[in-house]
Every structure is written in structure tokens, then in C-alpha cells.
Amino acid sequence: MIKILIVDDSPVIRIALKNALNRVDGFEVIGTASNGEEAIKENILKSPDIIIMDISMPVMD
């Protein structure tokens, strides 16, 4: 199973990506974050294999 973390400041994008990726065999969205600071914390806690990330976000890019 490939573990994925989604990072985007738009809740609509986070939900859409999560729903789409969870339907793919072998993919599991293990978390989401709305800014770079949250992404760092989630990365440390959950150790995803892949991070899908927006490049312009509040707090920290």
C-alpha cells in the first residue's frame, strides 16, 4: 500500500484528491494538511511515501 499525504489550502481540492486517490487500488490517503507547517508535522507523525502538495499556501509554502 502506498501511503499519501495531501497538502493544499483549499478544502475542496483536499477532499476531491482524497476521494479520487482512495478509489485507486494500492493507494491510501493517510492524512491531509492545509499549510506547510501542518505538512511538516503530518510528515513526521505518519511517514507518507508520497506527498502531493500545493506550492503556494498560507503560514508556510
PDB file of N, CA and C in Angstrom:
ATOM      1  N   MET A   1       0.841  -1.176   0.000  1.00  0.00           N
ATOM      2  CA  MET A   1       0.000   0.000   0.000  1.00  0.00           C
ATOM      3  C   MET A   1       0.891   1.247   0.000  1.00  0.00           C
ATOM      4  N   ILE A   2       0.634   2.166  -0.903  1.00  0.00           N
ATOM      5  CA  ILE A   2       1.371   3.427  -0.977  1.00  0.00           C
ATOM      6  C   ILE A   2       0.623   4.459  -0.143  1.00  0.00           C
ATOM      7  N   LYS A   3       1.313   5.014   0.856  1.00  0.00           N
ATOM      8  CA  LYS A   3       0.711   5.985   1.769  1.00  0.00           C
ATOM      9  C   LYS A   3       0.910   7.397   1.224  1.00  0.00           C
ATOM     10  N   ILE A   4      -0.187   8.174   1.168  1.00  0.00           N
ATOM     11  CA  ILE A   4      -0.158   9.502   0.562  1.00  0.00           C
ATOM     12  C   ILE A   4      -0.626  10.555   1.560  1.00  0.00           C
ATOM     13  N   LEU A   5       0.084  11.690   1.572  1.00  0.00           N
ATOM     14  CA  LEU A   5      -0.307  12.870   2.338  1.00  0.00           C
ATOM     15  C   LEU A   5      -0.675  13.961   1.337  1.00  0.00           C
ATOM     16  N   ILE A   6      -1.841  14.583   1.509  1.00  0.00           N
ATOM     17  CA  ILE A   6      -2.302  15.653   0.627  1.00  0.00           C
ATOM     18  C   ILE A   6      -2.196  16.975   1.376  1.00  0.00           C
ATOM     19  N   VAL A   7      -1.546  17.963   0.741  1.00  0.00           N
ATOM     20  CA  VAL A   7      -1.367  19.276   1.355  1.00  0.00           C
ATOM     21  C   VAL A   7      -1.855  20.347   0.386  1.00  0.00           C
ATOM     22  N   ASP A   8      -2.915  21.047   0.769  1.00  0.00           N
ATOM     23  CA  ASP A   8      -3.467  22.122  -0.061  1.00  0.00           C
ATOM     24  C   ASP A   8      -4.306  23.014   0.834  1.00  0.00           C
ATOM     25  N   ASP A   9      -4.275  24.320   0.592  1.00  0.00           N
ATOM     26  CA  ASP A   9      -5.058  25.234   1.417  1.00  0.00           C
ATOM     27  C   ASP A   9      -6.539  25.235   1.049  1.00  0.00           C
ATOM     28  N   SER A  10      -6.904  24.638  -0.067  1.00  0.00           N
ATOM     29  CA  SER A  10      -8.306  24.568  -0.486  1.00  0.00           C
ATOM     30  C   SER A  10      -8.945  23.268   0.008  1.00  0.00           C
ATOM     31  N   PRO A  11      -9.964  23.372   0.866  1.00  0.00           N
ATOM     32  CA  PRO A  11     -10.631  22.153   1.341  1.00  0.00           C
ATOM     33  C   PRO A  11     -11.271  21.356   0.210  1.00  0.00           C
ATOM     34  N   VAL A  12     -11.761  22.040  -0.805  1.00  0.00           N
ATOM     35  CA  VAL A  12     -12.389  21.353  -1.946  1.00  0.00           C
ATOM     36  C   VAL A  12     -11.369  20.472  -2.660  1.00  0.00           C
ATOM     37  N   ILE A  13     -10.174  20.991  -2.875  1.00  0.00           N
ATOM     38  CA  ILE A  13      -9.113  20.219  -3.539  1.00  0.00           C
ATOM     39  C   ILE A  13      -8.700  19.039  -2.671  1.00  0.00           C
ATOM     40  N   ARG A  14      -8.516  19.278  -1.371  1.00  0.00           N
ATOM     41  CA  ARG A  14      -8.123  18.180  -0.472  1.00  0.00           C
ATOM     42  C   ARG A  14      -9.141  17.047  -0.508  1.00  0.00           C
ATOM     43  N   ILE A  15     -10.414  17.386  -0.423  1.00  0.00           N
ATOM     44  CA  ILE A  15     -11.464  16.362  -0.416  1.00  0.00           C
ATOM     45  C   ILE A  15     -11.523  15.632  -1.751  1.00  0.00           C
ATOM     46  N   ALA A  16     -11.460  16.383  -2.853  1.00  0.00           N
ATOM     47  CA  ALA A  16     -11.535  15.762  -4.182  1.00  0.00           C
ATOM     48  C   ALA A  16     -10.366  14.810  -4.417  1.00  0.00           C
ATOM     49  N   LEU A  17      -9.151  15.245  -4.081  1.00  0.00           N
ATOM     50  CA  LEU A  17      -7.987  14.374  -4.250  1.00  0.00           C
ATOM     51  C   LEU A  17      -8.080  13.145  -3.357  1.00  0.00           C
ATOM     52  N   LYS A  18      -8.489  13.350  -2.118  1.00  0.00           N
ATOM     53  CA  LYS A  18      -8.606  12.221  -1.190  1.00  0.00           C
ATOM     54  C   LYS A  18      -9.601  11.189  -1.710  1.00  0.00           C
ATOM     55  N   ASN A  19     -10.761  11.656  -2.145  1.00  0.00           N
ATOM     56  CA  ASN A  19     -11.777  10.736  -2.663  1.00  0.00           C
ATOM     57  C   ASN A  19     -11.290   9.997  -3.905  1.00  0.00           C
ATOM     58  N   ALA A  20     -10.641  10.706  -4.810  1.00  0.00           N
ATOM     59  CA  ALA A  20     -10.155  10.081  -6.045  1.00  0.00           C
ATOM     60  C   ALA A  20      -9.052   9.062  -5.757  1.00  0.00           C
ATOM     61  N   LEU A  21      -8.100   9.432  -4.916  1.00  0.00           N
ATOM     62  CA  LEU A  21      -6.962   8.543  -4.657  1.00  0.00           C
ATOM     63  C   LEU A  21      -7.350   7.325  -3.824  1.00  0.00           C
ATOM     64  N   ASN A  22      -8.295   7.479  -2.924  1.00  0.00           N
ATOM     65  CA  ASN A  22      -8.720   6.335  -2.111  1.00  0.00           C
ATOM     66  C   ASN A  22      -9.444   5.278  -2.939  1.00  0.00           C
ATOM     67  N   ARG A  23      -9.888   5.629  -4.126  1.00  0.00           N
ATOM     68  CA  ARG A  23     -10.540   4.659  -5.014  1.00  0.00           C
ATOM     69  C   ARG A  23      -9.538   3.833  -5.814  1.00  0.00           C
ATOM     70  N   VAL A  24      -8.281   4.229  -5.804  1.00  0.00           N
ATOM     71  CA  VAL A  24      -7.252   3.532  -6.577  1.00  0.00           C
ATOM     72  C   VAL A  24      -6.664   2.409  -5.728  1.00  0.00           C
ATOM     73  N   ASP A  25      -6.674   1.197  -6.270  1.00  0.00           N
ATOM     74  CA  ASP A  25      -6.073   0.069  -5.558  1.00  0.00           C
ATOM     75  C   ASP A  25      -4.597   0.339  -5.300  1.00  0.00           C
ATOM     76  N   GLY A  26      -4.172   0.098  -4.082  1.00  0.00           N
ATOM     77  CA  GLY A  26      -2.772   0.263  -3.729  1.00  0.00           C
ATOM     78  C   GLY A  26      -2.436   1.633  -3.171  1.00  0.00           C
ATOM     79  N   PHE A  27      -3.388   2.580  -3.190  1.00  0.00           N
ATOM     80  CA  PHE A  27      -3.176   3.918  -2.631  1.00  0.00           C
ATOM     81  C   PHE A  27      -4.017   4.076  -1.370  1.00  0.00           C
ATOM     82  N   GLU A  28      -3.447   4.752  -0.383  1.00  0.00           N
ATOM     83  CA  GLU A  28      -4.182   5.075   0.836  1.00  0.00           C
ATOM     84  C   GLU A  28      -3.797   6.484   1.269  1.00  0.00           C
ATOM     85  N   VAL A  29      -4.772   7.388   1.344  1.00  0.00           N
ATOM     86  CA  VAL A  29      -4.519   8.733   1.853  1.00  0.00           C
ATOM     87  C   VAL A  29      -4.510   8.633   3.374  1.00  0.00           C
ATOM     88  N   ILE A  30      -3.342   8.883   3.964  1.00  0.00           N
ATOM     89  CA  ILE A  30      -3.189   8.723   5.410  1.00  0.00           C
ATOM     90  C   ILE A  30      -3.348  10.035   6.164  1.00  0.00           C
ATOM     91  N   GLY A  31      -3.453  11.146   5.414  1.00  0.00           N
ATOM     92  CA  GLY A  31      -3.635  12.425   6.083  1.00  0.00           C
ATOM     93  C   GLY A  31      -3.721  13.576   5.109  1.00  0.00           C
ATOM     94  N   THR A  32      -4.183  14.709   5.653  1.00  0.00           N
ATOM     95  CA  THR A  32      -4.250  15.942   4.878  1.00  0.00           C
ATOM     96  C   THR A  32      -3.747  17.080   5.752  1.00  0.00           C
ATOM     97  N   ALA A  33      -3.309  18.151   5.100  1.00  0.00           N
ATOM     98  CA  ALA A  33      -2.870  19.352   5.803  1.00  0.00           C
ATOM     99  C   ALA A  33      -3.238  20.559   4.956  1.00  0.00           C
ATOM    100  N   SER A  34      -3.423  21.711   5.613  1.00  0.00           N
ATOM    101  CA  SER A  34      -3.846  22.905   4.888  1.00  0.00           C
ATOM    102  C   SER A  34      -2.743  23.938   4.713  1.00  0.00           C
ATOM    103  N   ASN A  35      -1.545  23.662   5.249  1.00  0.00           N
ATOM    104  CA  ASN A  35      -0.404  24.562   5.044  1.00  0.00           C
ATOM    105  C   ASN A  35       0.898  23.795   5.280  1.00  0.00           C
ATOM    106  N   GLY A  36       1.993  24.443   4.974  1.00  0.00           N
ATOM    107  CA  GLY A  36       3.291  23.784   5.080  1.00  0.00           C
ATOM    108  C   GLY A  36       3.669  23.377   6.493  1.00  0.00           C
ATOM    109  N   GLU A  37       3.287  24.188   7.461  1.00  0.00           N
ATOM    110  CA  GLU A  37       3.603  23.866   8.857  1.00  0.00           C
ATOM    111  C   GLU A  37       2.906  22.571   9.293  1.00  0.00           C
ATOM    112  N   GLU A  38       1.625  22.451   8.951  1.00  0.00           N
ATOM    113  CA  GLU A  38       0.889  21.215   9.251  1.00  0.00           C
ATOM    114  C   GLU A  38       1.487  20.033   8.491  1.00  0.00           C
ATOM    115  N   ALA A  39       1.923  20.288   7.266  1.00  0.00           N
ATOM    116  CA  ALA A  39       2.503  19.222   6.440  1.00  0.00           C
ATOM    117  C   ALA A  39       3.749  18.633   7.089  1.00  0.00           C
ATOM    118  N   ILE A  40       4.578  19.486   7.658  1.00  0.00           N
ATOM    119  CA  ILE A  40       5.792  19.005   8.322  1.00  0.00           C
ATOM    120  C   ILE A  40       5.422  18.102   9.501  1.00  0.00           C
ATOM    121  N   LYS A  41       4.443  18.528  10.293  1.00  0.00           N
ATOM    122  CA  LYS A  41       4.012  17.724  11.443  1.00  0.00           C
ATOM    123  C   LYS A  41       3.439  16.378  10.997  1.00  0.00           C
ATOM    124  N   GLU A  42       2.574  16.409   9.975  1.00  0.00           N
ATOM    125  CA  GLU A  42       1.972  15.172   9.471  1.00  0.00           C
ATOM    126  C   GLU A  42       3.033  14.242   8.888  1.00  0.00           C
ATOM    127  N   ASN A  43       4.013  14.817   8.208  1.00  0.00           N
ATOM    128  CA  ASN A  43       5.089  14.012   7.629  1.00  0.00           C
ATOM    129  C   ASN A  43       5.870  13.285   8.719  1.00  0.00           C
ATOM    130  N   ILE A  44       6.175  13.980   9.785  1.00  0.00           N
ATOM    131  CA  ILE A  44       6.920  13.371  10.893  1.00  0.00           C
ATOM    132  C   ILE A  44       6.089  12.281  11.576  1.00  0.00           C
ATOM    133  N   LEU A  45       4.807  12.561  11.804  1.00  0.00           N
ATOM    134  CA  LEU A  45       3.948  11.606  12.515  1.00  0.00           C
ATOM    135  C   LEU A  45       3.582  10.376  11.692  1.00  0.00           C
ATOM    136  N   LYS A  46       3.343  10.569  10.386  1.00  0.00           N
ATOM    137  CA  LYS A  46       2.759   9.493   9.583  1.00  0.00           C
ATOM    138  C   LYS A  46       3.679   8.891   8.536  1.00  0.00           C
ATOM    139  N   SER A  47       4.803   9.513   8.250  1.00  0.00           N
ATOM    140  CA  SER A  47       5.787   8.996   7.286  1.00  0.00           C
ATOM    141  C   SER A  47       5.160   8.517   5.970  1.00  0.00           C
ATOM    142  N   PRO A  48       4.564   9.439   5.202  1.00  0.00           N
ATOM    143  CA  PRO A  48       3.965   9.026   3.927  1.00  0.00           C
ATOM    144  C   PRO A  48       5.030   8.639   2.912  1.00  0.00           C
ATOM    145  N   ASP A  49       4.631   7.847   1.924  1.00  0.00           N
ATOM    146  CA  ASP A  49       5.522   7.517   0.815  1.00  0.00           C
ATOM    147  C   ASP A  49       5.544   8.645  -0.212  1.00  0.00           C
ATOM    148  N   ILE A  50       4.392   9.312  -0.386  1.00  0.00           N
ATOM    149  CA  ILE A  50       4.241  10.387  -1.369  1.00  0.00           C
ATOM    150  C   ILE A  50       3.515  11.554  -0.706  1.00  0.00           C
ATOM    151  N   ILE A  51       3.976  12.779  -1.007  1.00  0.00           N
ATOM    152  CA  ILE A  51       3.275  13.984  -0.577  1.00  0.00           C
ATOM    153  C   ILE A  51       2.844  14.738  -1.830  1.00  0.00           C
ATOM    154  N   ILE A  52       1.536  14.974  -1.948  1.00  0.00           N
ATOM    155  CA  ILE A  52       1.001  15.795  -3.038  1.00  0.00           C
ATOM    156  C   ILE A  52       0.741  17.163  -2.429  1.00  0.00           C
ATOM    157  N   MET A  53       1.457  18.194  -2.941  1.00  0.00           N
ATOM    158  CA  MET A  53       1.470  19.473  -2.248  1.00  0.00           C
ATOM    159  C   MET A  53       1.283  20.656  -3.183  1.00  0.00           C
ATOM    160  N   ASP A  54       0.449  21.588  -2.760  1.00  0.00           N
ATOM    161  CA  ASP A  54       0.316  22.886  -3.407  1.00  0.00           C
ATOM    162  C   ASP A  54       1.617  23.653  -3.151  1.00  0.00           C
ATOM    163  N   ILE A  55       1.996  24.544  -4.063  1.00  0.00           N
ATOM    164  CA  ILE A  55       3.267  25.254  -3.869  1.00  0.00           C
ATOM    165  C   ILE A  55       3.096  26.650  -3.280  1.00  0.00           C
ATOM    166  N   SER A  56       1.862  27.125  -3.147  1.00  0.00           N
ATOM    167  CA  SER A  56       1.616  28.441  -2.569  1.00  0.00           C
ATOM    168  C   SER A  56       0.483  28.324  -1.549  1.00  0.00           C
ATOM    169  N   MET A  57       0.864  28.457  -0.255  1.00  0.00           N
ATOM    170  CA  MET A  57      -0.116  28.274   0.818  1.00  0.00           C
ATOM    171  C   MET A  57       0.130  29.285   1.927  1.00  0.00           C
ATOM    172  N   PRO A  58      -0.872  29.499   2.798  1.00  0.00           N
ATOM    173  CA  PRO A  58      -0.662  30.383   3.943  1.00  0.00           C
ATOM    174  C   PRO A  58       0.253  29.728   4.981  1.00  0.00           C
ATOM    175  N   VAL A  59       0.741  30.519   5.897  1.00  0.00           N
ATOM    176  CA  VAL A  59       1.625  30.129   7.002  1.00  0.00           C
ATOM    177  C   VAL A  59       3.015  29.757   6.498  1.00  0.00           C
ATOM    178  N   MET A  60       3.123  28.722   5.673  1.00  0.00           N
ATOM    179  CA  MET A  60       4.413  28.289   5.135  1.00  0.00           C
ATOM    180  C   MET A  60       4.172  27.557   3.824  1.00  0.00           C
ATOM    181  N   ASP A  61       4.934  27.926   2.794  1.00  0.00           N
ATOM    182  CA  ASP A  61       4.830  27.246   1.498  1.00  0.00           C
ATOM    183  C   ASP A  61       5.622  25.957   1.523  1.00  0.00           C
TER     184      ASP A  61
END
